[in-house]
């Protein structure tokens, strides 16, 4: 069984989206290829708090292949963005 590199066109481009949580903090979310087991099969969003850099980063899984993650992340409405942030966990 050989290892094959995914084409560069399939790599997420780190599109950033911004949202404010219930405590008024501003978070910036960037899409990335997955890091957990099976990471080649899904993408993740990494959230960083802009207002409090010491705040733990948060991560949420997107159940889409990395090749489709950019388009899905950019097309996601505000409710979808909040849903992804709501299920994120400390990294």
PDB file of N, CA and C in Angstrom:
ATOM      1  N   UNK A   1       0.853  -1.167   0.000  1.00  0.00           N
ATOM      2  CA  UNK A   1       0.000   0.000   0.000  1.00  0.00           C
ATOM      3  C   UNK A   1       0.902   1.235   0.000  1.00  0.00           C
ATOM      4  N   UNK A   2       0.731   2.092  -0.981  1.00  0.00           N
ATOM      5  CA  UNK A   2       1.565   3.283  -1.098  1.00  0.00           C
ATOM      6  C   UNK A   2       0.888   4.510  -0.527  1.00  0.00           C
ATOM      7  N   UNK A   3       1.713   5.439  -0.161  1.00  0.00           N
ATOM      8  CA  UNK A   3       1.222   6.719   0.366  1.00  0.00           C
ATOM      9  C   UNK A   3       1.205   7.713  -0.771  1.00  0.00           C
ATOM     10  N   UNK A   4       0.134   8.447  -0.933  1.00  0.00           N
ATOM     11  CA  UNK A   4       0.027   9.426  -2.020  1.00  0.00           C
ATOM     12  C   UNK A   4      -0.333  10.787  -1.437  1.00  0.00           C
ATOM     13  N   UNK A   5       0.340  11.792  -1.909  1.00  0.00           N
ATOM     14  CA  UNK A   5       0.053  13.155  -1.457  1.00  0.00           C
ATOM     15  C   UNK A   5      -1.210  13.659  -2.133  1.00  0.00           C
ATOM     16  N   UNK A   6      -2.033  14.326  -1.380  1.00  0.00           N
ATOM     17  CA  UNK A   6      -3.248  14.930  -1.909  1.00  0.00           C
ATOM     18  C   UNK A   6      -2.844  16.088  -2.820  1.00  0.00           C
ATOM     19  N   UNK A   7      -3.531  16.306  -3.949  1.00  0.00           N
ATOM     20  CA  UNK A   7      -3.193  17.430  -4.829  1.00  0.00           C
ATOM     21  C   UNK A   7      -3.326  18.767  -4.105  1.00  0.00           C
ATOM     22  N   UNK A   8      -2.474  19.725  -4.454  1.00  0.00           N
ATOM     23  CA  UNK A   8      -2.496  21.045  -3.822  1.00  0.00           C
ATOM     24  C   UNK A   8      -3.862  21.707  -3.968  1.00  0.00           C
ATOM     25  N   UNK A   9      -4.566  21.429  -5.053  1.00  0.00           N
ATOM     26  CA  UNK A   9      -5.889  22.033  -5.267  1.00  0.00           C
ATOM     27  C   UNK A   9      -6.909  21.532  -4.248  1.00  0.00           C
ATOM     28  N   UNK A  10      -6.632  20.399  -3.589  1.00  0.00           N
ATOM     29  CA  UNK A  10      -7.538  19.851  -2.571  1.00  0.00           C
ATOM     30  C   UNK A  10      -7.275  20.422  -1.182  1.00  0.00           C
ATOM     31  N   UNK A  11      -6.209  21.170  -1.014  1.00  0.00           N
ATOM     32  CA  UNK A  11      -5.858  21.716   0.296  1.00  0.00           C
ATOM     33  C   UNK A  11      -6.697  22.958   0.587  1.00  0.00           C
ATOM     34  N   UNK A  12      -7.292  23.039   1.782  1.00  0.00           N
ATOM     35  CA  UNK A  12      -8.042  24.240   2.138  1.00  0.00           C
ATOM     36  C   UNK A  12      -7.145  25.474   2.100  1.00  0.00           C
ATOM     37  N   UNK A  13      -7.723  26.624   1.766  1.00  0.00           N
ATOM     38  CA  UNK A  13      -6.962  27.848   1.605  1.00  0.00           C
ATOM     39  C   UNK A  13      -6.978  28.751   2.831  1.00  0.00           C
ATOM     40  N   UNK A  14      -7.433  28.270   3.977  1.00  0.00           N
ATOM     41  CA  UNK A  14      -7.441  29.037   5.230  1.00  0.00           C
ATOM     42  C   UNK A  14      -8.314  30.292   5.146  1.00  0.00           C
ATOM     43  N   UNK A  15      -9.480  30.173   4.570  1.00  0.00           N
ATOM     44  CA  UNK A  15     -10.432  31.285   4.559  1.00  0.00           C
ATOM     45  C   UNK A  15     -10.833  31.608   5.992  1.00  0.00           C
ATOM     46  N   UNK A  16     -10.858  32.889   6.338  1.00  0.00           N
ATOM     47  CA  UNK A  16     -11.174  33.297   7.706  1.00  0.00           C
ATOM     48  C   UNK A  16     -12.575  33.891   7.799  1.00  0.00           C
ATOM     49  N   UNK A  17     -13.270  33.543   8.882  1.00  0.00           N
ATOM     50  CA  UNK A  17     -14.594  34.099   9.199  1.00  0.00           C
ATOM     51  C   UNK A  17     -14.549  34.603  10.631  1.00  0.00           C
ATOM     52  N   UNK A  18     -15.277  35.668  10.901  1.00  0.00           N
ATOM     53  CA  UNK A  18     -15.273  36.279  12.229  1.00  0.00           C
ATOM     54  C   UNK A  18     -16.654  36.213  12.856  1.00  0.00           C
ATOM     55  N   UNK A  19     -16.711  35.977  14.175  1.00  0.00           N
ATOM     56  CA  UNK A  19     -17.973  35.998  14.898  1.00  0.00           C
ATOM     57  C   UNK A  19     -17.719  36.483  16.319  1.00  0.00           C
ATOM     58  N   UNK A  20     -18.778  36.915  16.967  1.00  0.00           N
ATOM     59  CA  UNK A  20     -18.737  37.350  18.366  1.00  0.00           C
ATOM     60  C   UNK A  20     -19.521  36.349  19.202  1.00  0.00           C
ATOM     61  N   UNK A  21     -18.917  35.895  20.301  1.00  0.00           N
ATOM     62  CA  UNK A  21     -19.612  34.931  21.158  1.00  0.00           C
ATOM     63  C   UNK A  21     -20.543  35.647  22.137  1.00  0.00           C
ATOM     64  N   UNK A  22     -21.220  34.879  22.970  1.00  0.00           N
ATOM     65  CA  UNK A  22     -22.191  35.440  23.914  1.00  0.00           C
ATOM     66  C   UNK A  22     -21.544  36.355  24.949  1.00  0.00           C
ATOM     67  N   UNK A  23     -20.247  36.193  25.186  1.00  0.00           N
ATOM     68  CA  UNK A  23     -19.531  37.033  26.140  1.00  0.00           C
ATOM     69  C   UNK A  23     -18.925  38.271  25.477  1.00  0.00           C
ATOM     70  N   UNK A  24     -19.188  38.453  24.174  1.00  0.00           N
ATOM     71  CA  UNK A  24     -18.712  39.637  23.469  1.00  0.00           C
ATOM     72  C   UNK A  24     -17.308  39.526  22.913  1.00  0.00           C
ATOM     73  N   UNK A  25     -16.702  38.355  23.000  1.00  0.00           N
ATOM     74  CA  UNK A  25     -15.350  38.173  22.475  1.00  0.00           C
ATOM     75  C   UNK A  25     -15.408  37.910  20.974  1.00  0.00           C
ATOM     76  N   UNK A  26     -14.431  38.404  20.251  1.00  0.00           N
ATOM     77  CA  UNK A  26     -14.350  38.213  18.808  1.00  0.00           C
ATOM     78  C   UNK A  26     -13.459  37.011  18.517  1.00  0.00           C
ATOM     79  N   UNK A  27     -14.000  36.079  17.740  1.00  0.00           N
ATOM     80  CA  UNK A  27     -13.262  34.874  17.345  1.00  0.00           C
ATOM     81  C   UNK A  27     -13.075  34.879  15.835  1.00  0.00           C
ATOM     82  N   UNK A  28     -11.919  34.418  15.395  1.00  0.00           N
ATOM     83  CA  UNK A  28     -11.628  34.267  13.971  1.00  0.00           C
ATOM     84  C   UNK A  28     -11.467  32.775  13.704  1.00  0.00           C
ATOM     85  N   UNK A  29     -12.250  32.262  12.771  1.00  0.00           N
ATOM     86  CA  UNK A  29     -12.189  30.847  12.429  1.00  0.00           C
ATOM     87  C   UNK A  29     -11.539  30.654  11.075  1.00  0.00           C
ATOM     88  N   UNK A  30     -10.623  29.684  11.007  1.00  0.00           N
ATOM     89  CA  UNK A  30      -9.926  29.346   9.768  1.00  0.00           C
ATOM     90  C   UNK A  30     -10.101  27.864   9.501  1.00  0.00           C
ATOM     91  N   UNK A  31     -10.377  27.528   8.271  1.00  0.00           N
ATOM     92  CA  UNK A  31     -10.567  26.135   7.900  1.00  0.00           C
ATOM     93  C   UNK A  31      -9.204  25.517   7.594  1.00  0.00           C
ATOM     94  N   UNK A  32      -9.059  24.250   7.980  1.00  0.00           N
ATOM     95  CA  UNK A  32      -7.796  23.537   7.805  1.00  0.00           C
ATOM     96  C   UNK A  32      -8.111  22.074   7.526  1.00  0.00           C
ATOM     97  N   UNK A  33      -7.137  21.345   6.986  1.00  0.00           N
ATOM     98  CA  UNK A  33      -7.363  19.910   6.826  1.00  0.00           C
ATOM     99  C   UNK A  33      -7.356  19.269   8.199  1.00  0.00           C
ATOM    100  N   UNK A  34      -7.996  18.137   8.331  1.00  0.00           N
ATOM    101  CA  UNK A  34      -8.149  17.490   9.623  1.00  0.00           C
ATOM    102  C   UNK A  34      -6.848  17.004  10.224  1.00  0.00           C
ATOM    103  N   UNK A  35      -6.800  16.928  11.546  1.00  0.00           N
ATOM    104  CA  UNK A  35      -5.604  16.465  12.234  1.00  0.00           C
ATOM    105  C   UNK A  35      -5.819  15.147  12.962  1.00  0.00           C
ATOM    106  N   UNK A  36      -7.074  14.802  13.256  1.00  0.00           N
ATOM    107  CA  UNK A  36      -7.344  13.553  13.970  1.00  0.00           C
ATOM    108  C   UNK A  36      -7.249  12.371  13.014  1.00  0.00           C
ATOM    109  N   UNK A  37      -7.421  11.184  13.600  1.00  0.00           N
ATOM    110  CA  UNK A  37      -7.454   9.971  12.776  1.00  0.00           C
ATOM    111  C   UNK A  37      -8.500  10.157  11.674  1.00  0.00           C
ATOM    112  N   UNK A  38      -8.146   9.839  10.442  1.00  0.00           N
ATOM    113  CA  UNK A  38      -9.048  10.038   9.319  1.00  0.00           C
ATOM    114  C   UNK A  38      -9.057  11.476   8.848  1.00  0.00           C
ATOM    115  N   UNK A  39      -8.060  12.255   9.227  1.00  0.00           N
ATOM    116  CA  UNK A  39      -8.009  13.674   8.898  1.00  0.00           C
ATOM    117  C   UNK A  39      -8.021  13.967   7.417  1.00  0.00           C
ATOM    118  N   UNK A  40      -7.654  12.997   6.614  1.00  0.00           N
ATOM    119  CA  UNK A  40      -7.687  13.198   5.174  1.00  0.00           C
ATOM    120  C   UNK A  40      -9.120  13.179   4.646  1.00  0.00           C
ATOM    121  N   UNK A  41     -10.069  12.768   5.486  1.00  0.00           N
ATOM    122  CA  UNK A  41     -11.451  12.624   5.063  1.00  0.00           C
ATOM    123  C   UNK A  41     -12.342  13.792   5.455  1.00  0.00           C
ATOM    124  N   UNK A  42     -11.831  14.693   6.277  1.00  0.00           N
ATOM    125  CA  UNK A  42     -12.645  15.820   6.726  1.00  0.00           C
ATOM    126  C   UNK A  42     -11.757  17.035   6.963  1.00  0.00           C
ATOM    127  N   UNK A  43     -12.369  18.153   7.156  1.00  0.00           N
ATOM    128  CA  UNK A  43     -11.641  19.384   7.476  1.00  0.00           C
ATOM    129  C   UNK A  43     -12.017  19.833   8.878  1.00  0.00           C
ATOM    130  N   UNK A  44     -11.234  20.736   9.431  1.00  0.00           N
ATOM    131  CA  UNK A  44     -11.510  21.289  10.745  1.00  0.00           C
ATOM    132  C   UNK A  44     -11.489  22.806  10.670  1.00  0.00           C
ATOM    133  N   UNK A  45     -12.141  23.428  11.641  1.00  0.00           N
ATOM    134  CA  UNK A  45     -12.079  24.877  11.786  1.00  0.00           C
ATOM    135  C   UNK A  45     -11.363  25.155  13.096  1.00  0.00           C
ATOM    136  N   UNK A  46     -10.379  26.022  13.042  1.00  0.00           N
ATOM    137  CA  UNK A  46      -9.638  26.432  14.226  1.00  0.00           C
ATOM    138  C   UNK A  46     -10.047  27.857  14.547  1.00  0.00           C
ATOM    139  N   UNK A  47     -10.566  28.061  15.749  1.00  0.00           N
ATOM    140  CA  UNK A  47     -11.007  29.385  16.200  1.00  0.00           C
ATOM    141  C   UNK A  47      -9.967  29.969  17.148  1.00  0.00           C
ATOM    142  N   UNK A  48      -9.601  31.228  16.914  1.00  0.00           N
ATOM    143  CA  UNK A  48      -8.660  31.950  17.768  1.00  0.00           C
ATOM    144  C   UNK A  48      -9.359  33.210  18.264  1.00  0.00           C
ATOM    145  N   UNK A  49      -9.250  33.487  19.561  1.00  0.00           N
ATOM    146  CA  UNK A  49      -9.872  34.676  20.141  1.00  0.00           C
ATOM    147  C   UNK A  49      -8.985  35.887  19.858  1.00  0.00           C
ATOM    148  N   UNK A  50      -9.532  36.859  19.153  1.00  0.00           N
ATOM    149  CA  UNK A  50      -8.779  38.054  18.793  1.00  0.00           C
ATOM    150  C   UNK A  50      -8.640  39.007  19.985  1.00  0.00           C
ATOM    151  N   UNK A  51      -9.668  39.079  20.822  1.00  0.00           N
ATOM    152  CA  UNK A  51      -9.670  40.018  21.944  1.00  0.00           C
ATOM    153  C   UNK A  51      -8.784  39.573  23.100  1.00  0.00           C
ATOM    154  N   UNK A  52      -8.695  38.276  23.324  1.00  0.00           N
ATOM    155  CA  UNK A  52      -7.917  37.732  24.433  1.00  0.00           C
ATOM    156  C   UNK A  52      -7.010  36.634  23.901  1.00  0.00           C
ATOM    157  N   UNK A  53      -5.814  37.005  23.424  1.00  0.00           N
ATOM    158  CA  UNK A  53      -4.919  36.015  22.814  1.00  0.00           C
ATOM    159  C   UNK A  53      -4.567  34.841  23.728  1.00  0.00           C
ATOM    160  N   UNK A  54      -4.665  35.025  25.041  1.00  0.00           N
ATOM    161  CA  UNK A  54      -4.367  33.939  25.965  1.00  0.00           C
ATOM    162  C   UNK A  54      -5.465  32.902  26.063  1.00  0.00           C
ATOM    163  N   UNK A  55      -6.640  33.210  25.510  1.00  0.00           N
ATOM    164  CA  UNK A  55      -7.776  32.268  25.520  1.00  0.00           C
ATOM    165  C   UNK A  55      -7.394  31.030  24.699  1.00  0.00           C
ATOM    166  N   UNK A  56      -7.790  29.848  25.197  1.00  0.00           N
ATOM    167  CA  UNK A  56      -7.495  28.620  24.461  1.00  0.00           C
ATOM    168  C   UNK A  56      -8.114  28.662  23.072  1.00  0.00           C
ATOM    169  N   UNK A  57      -7.380  28.173  22.105  1.00  0.00           N
ATOM    170  CA  UNK A  57      -7.941  28.024  20.763  1.00  0.00           C
ATOM    171  C   UNK A  57      -9.023  26.959  20.845  1.00  0.00           C
ATOM    172  N   UNK A  58      -9.938  26.993  19.888  1.00  0.00           N
ATOM    173  CA  UNK A  58     -11.008  26.015  19.826  1.00  0.00           C
ATOM    174  C   UNK A  58     -10.970  25.351  18.455  1.00  0.00           C
ATOM    175  N   UNK A  59     -11.405  24.104  18.390  1.00  0.00           N
ATOM    176  CA  UNK A  59     -11.402  23.380  17.127  1.00  0.00           C
ATOM    177  C   UNK A  59     -12.728  22.640  16.962  1.00  0.00           C
ATOM    178  N   UNK A  60     -13.231  22.639  15.730  1.00  0.00           N
ATOM    179  CA  UNK A  60     -14.471  21.922  15.404  1.00  0.00           C
ATOM    180  C   UNK A  60     -14.270  21.201  14.077  1.00  0.00           C
ATOM    181  N   UNK A  61     -14.848  20.039  13.973  1.00  0.00           N
ATOM    182  CA  UNK A  61     -14.746  19.245  12.755  1.00  0.00           C
ATOM    183  C   UNK A  61     -15.839  19.662  11.776  1.00  0.00           C
ATOM    184  N   UNK A  62     -15.466  19.792  10.513  1.00  0.00           N
ATOM    185  CA  UNK A  62     -16.433  19.980   9.426  1.00  0.00           C
ATOM    186  C   UNK A  62     -16.545  18.642   8.725  1.00  0.00           C
ATOM    187  N   UNK A  63     -17.733  18.134   8.580  1.00  0.00           N
ATOM    188  CA  UNK A  63     -17.899  16.826   7.952  1.00  0.00           C
ATOM    189  C   UNK A  63     -17.958  16.936   6.435  1.00  0.00           C
ATOM    190  N   UNK A  64     -16.945  17.571   5.884  1.00  0.00           N
ATOM    191  CA  UNK A  64     -16.791  17.656   4.435  1.00  0.00           C
ATOM    192  C   UNK A  64     -15.333  17.348   4.108  1.00  0.00           C
ATOM    193  N   UNK A  65     -15.077  16.774   2.938  1.00  0.00           N
ATOM    194  CA  UNK A  65     -13.691  16.507   2.556  1.00  0.00           C
ATOM    195  C   UNK A  65     -12.906  17.819   2.439  1.00  0.00           C
ATOM    196  N   UNK A  66     -11.607  17.788   2.705  1.00  0.00           N
ATOM    197  CA  UNK A  66     -10.803  19.000   2.599  1.00  0.00           C
ATOM    198  C   UNK A  66     -10.941  19.715   1.254  1.00  0.00           C
ATOM    199  N   UNK A  67     -11.147  18.972   0.181  1.00  0.00           N
ATOM    200  CA  UNK A  67     -11.275  19.586  -1.144  1.00  0.00           C
ATOM    201  C   UNK A  67     -12.506  20.478  -1.251  1.00  0.00           C
ATOM    202  N   UNK A  68     -13.528  20.208  -0.438  1.00  0.00           N
ATOM    203  CA  UNK A  68     -14.774  20.982  -0.487  1.00  0.00           C
ATOM    204  C   UNK A  68     -14.905  21.971   0.669  1.00  0.00           C
ATOM    205  N   UNK A  69     -13.959  21.944   1.602  1.00  0.00           N
ATOM    206  CA  UNK A  69     -14.076  22.734   2.830  1.00  0.00           C
ATOM    207  C   UNK A  69     -14.101  24.236   2.586  1.00  0.00           C
ATOM    208  N   UNK A  70     -13.243  24.733   1.701  1.00  0.00           N
ATOM    209  CA  UNK A  70     -13.211  26.175   1.441  1.00  0.00           C
ATOM    210  C   UNK A  70     -14.559  26.698   0.986  1.00  0.00           C
ATOM    211  N   UNK A  71     -15.124  26.022  -0.007  1.00  0.00           N
ATOM    212  CA  UNK A  71     -16.410  26.469  -0.550  1.00  0.00           C
ATOM    213  C   UNK A  71     -17.510  26.374   0.501  1.00  0.00           C
ATOM    214  N   UNK A  72     -17.526  25.277   1.263  1.00  0.00           N
ATOM    215  CA  UNK A  72     -18.549  25.104   2.303  1.00  0.00           C
ATOM    216  C   UNK A  72     -18.400  26.176   3.385  1.00  0.00           C
ATOM    217  N   UNK A  73     -17.177  26.482   3.783  1.00  0.00           N
ATOM    218  CA  UNK A  73     -16.912  27.470   4.828  1.00  0.00           C
ATOM    219  C   UNK A  73     -17.305  28.871   4.366  1.00  0.00           C
ATOM    220  N   UNK A  74     -16.959  29.219   3.129  1.00  0.00           N
ATOM    221  CA  UNK A  74     -17.314  30.543   2.607  1.00  0.00           C
ATOM    222  C   UNK A  74     -18.817  30.692   2.406  1.00  0.00           C
ATOM    223  N   UNK A  75     -19.487  29.623   2.025  1.00  0.00           N
ATOM    224  CA  UNK A  75     -20.921  29.682   1.734  1.00  0.00           C
ATOM    225  C   UNK A  75     -21.784  29.561   2.993  1.00  0.00           C
ATOM    226  N   UNK A  76     -21.186  29.171   4.113  1.00  0.00           N
ATOM    227  CA  UNK A  76     -21.940  28.951   5.338  1.00  0.00           C
ATOM    228  C   UNK A  76     -22.566  30.260   5.824  1.00  0.00           C
ATOM    229  N   UNK A  77     -23.850  30.185   6.202  1.00  0.00           N
ATOM    230  CA  UNK A  77     -24.515  31.385   6.720  1.00  0.00           C
ATOM    231  C   UNK A  77     -24.136  31.599   8.184  1.00  0.00           C
ATOM    232  N   UNK A  78     -24.589  32.713   8.748  1.00  0.00           N
ATOM    233  CA  UNK A  78     -24.247  33.072  10.132  1.00  0.00           C
ATOM    234  C   UNK A  78     -24.697  32.005  11.120  1.00  0.00           C
ATOM    235  N   UNK A  79     -25.880  31.431  10.904  1.00  0.00           N
ATOM    236  CA  UNK A  79     -26.375  30.384  11.799  1.00  0.00           C
ATOM    237  C   UNK A  79     -25.472  29.150  11.746  1.00  0.00           C
ATOM    238  N   UNK A  80     -25.026  28.793  10.564  1.00  0.00           N
ATOM    239  CA  UNK A  80     -24.121  27.654  10.420  1.00  0.00           C
ATOM    240  C   UNK A  80     -22.784  27.910  11.092  1.00  0.00           C
ATOM    241  N   UNK A  81     -22.290  29.123  10.946  1.00  0.00           N
ATOM    242  CA  UNK A  81     -21.036  29.517  11.580  1.00  0.00           C
ATOM    243  C   UNK A  81     -21.151  29.398  13.106  1.00  0.00           C
ATOM    244  N   UNK A  82     -22.253  29.892  13.653  1.00  0.00           N
ATOM    245  CA  UNK A  82     -22.469  29.818  15.103  1.00  0.00           C
ATOM    246  C   UNK A  82     -22.631  28.369  15.566  1.00  0.00           C
ATOM    247  N   UNK A  83     -23.268  27.533  14.739  1.00  0.00           N
ATOM    248  CA  UNK A  83     -23.435  26.116  15.080  1.00  0.00           C
ATOM    249  C   UNK A  83     -22.071  25.432  15.158  1.00  0.00           C
ATOM    250  N   UNK A  84     -21.196  25.710  14.196  1.00  0.00           N
ATOM    251  CA  UNK A  84     -19.862  25.115  14.206  1.00  0.00           C
ATOM    252  C   UNK A  84     -19.098  25.598  15.449  1.00  0.00           C
ATOM    253  N   UNK A  85     -19.164  26.888  15.741  1.00  0.00           N
ATOM    254  CA  UNK A  85     -18.483  27.412  16.922  1.00  0.00           C
ATOM    255  C   UNK A  85     -19.064  26.800  18.200  1.00  0.00           C
ATOM    256  N   UNK A  86     -20.377  26.623  18.231  1.00  0.00           N
ATOM    257  CA  UNK A  86     -21.030  26.062  19.410  1.00  0.00           C
ATOM    258  C   UNK A  86     -20.592  24.645  19.742  1.00  0.00           C
ATOM    259  N   UNK A  87     -20.214  23.883  18.742  1.00  0.00           N
ATOM    260  CA  UNK A  87     -19.771  22.505  19.000  1.00  0.00           C
ATOM    261  C   UNK A  87     -18.255  22.374  19.023  1.00  0.00           C
ATOM    262  N   UNK A  88     -17.564  23.511  18.941  1.00  0.00           N
ATOM    263  CA  UNK A  88     -16.103  23.462  19.008  1.00  0.00           C
ATOM    264  C   UNK A  88     -15.646  23.120  20.422  1.00  0.00           C
ATOM    265  N   UNK A  89     -14.448  22.572  20.517  1.00  0.00           N
ATOM    266  CA  UNK A  89     -13.874  22.174  21.796  1.00  0.00           C
ATOM    267  C   UNK A  89     -12.517  22.837  21.963  1.00  0.00           C
ATOM    268  N   UNK A  90     -12.085  23.046  23.210  1.00  0.00           N
ATOM    269  CA  UNK A  90     -10.749  23.608  23.418  1.00  0.00           C
ATOM    270  C   UNK A  90      -9.690  22.732  22.747  1.00  0.00           C
ATOM    271  N   UNK A  91      -8.739  23.378  22.117  1.00  0.00           N
ATOM    272  CA  UNK A  91      -7.687  22.635  21.391  1.00  0.00           C
ATOM    273  C   UNK A  91      -6.551  22.270  22.330  1.00  0.00           C
TER     274      UNK A  91
END
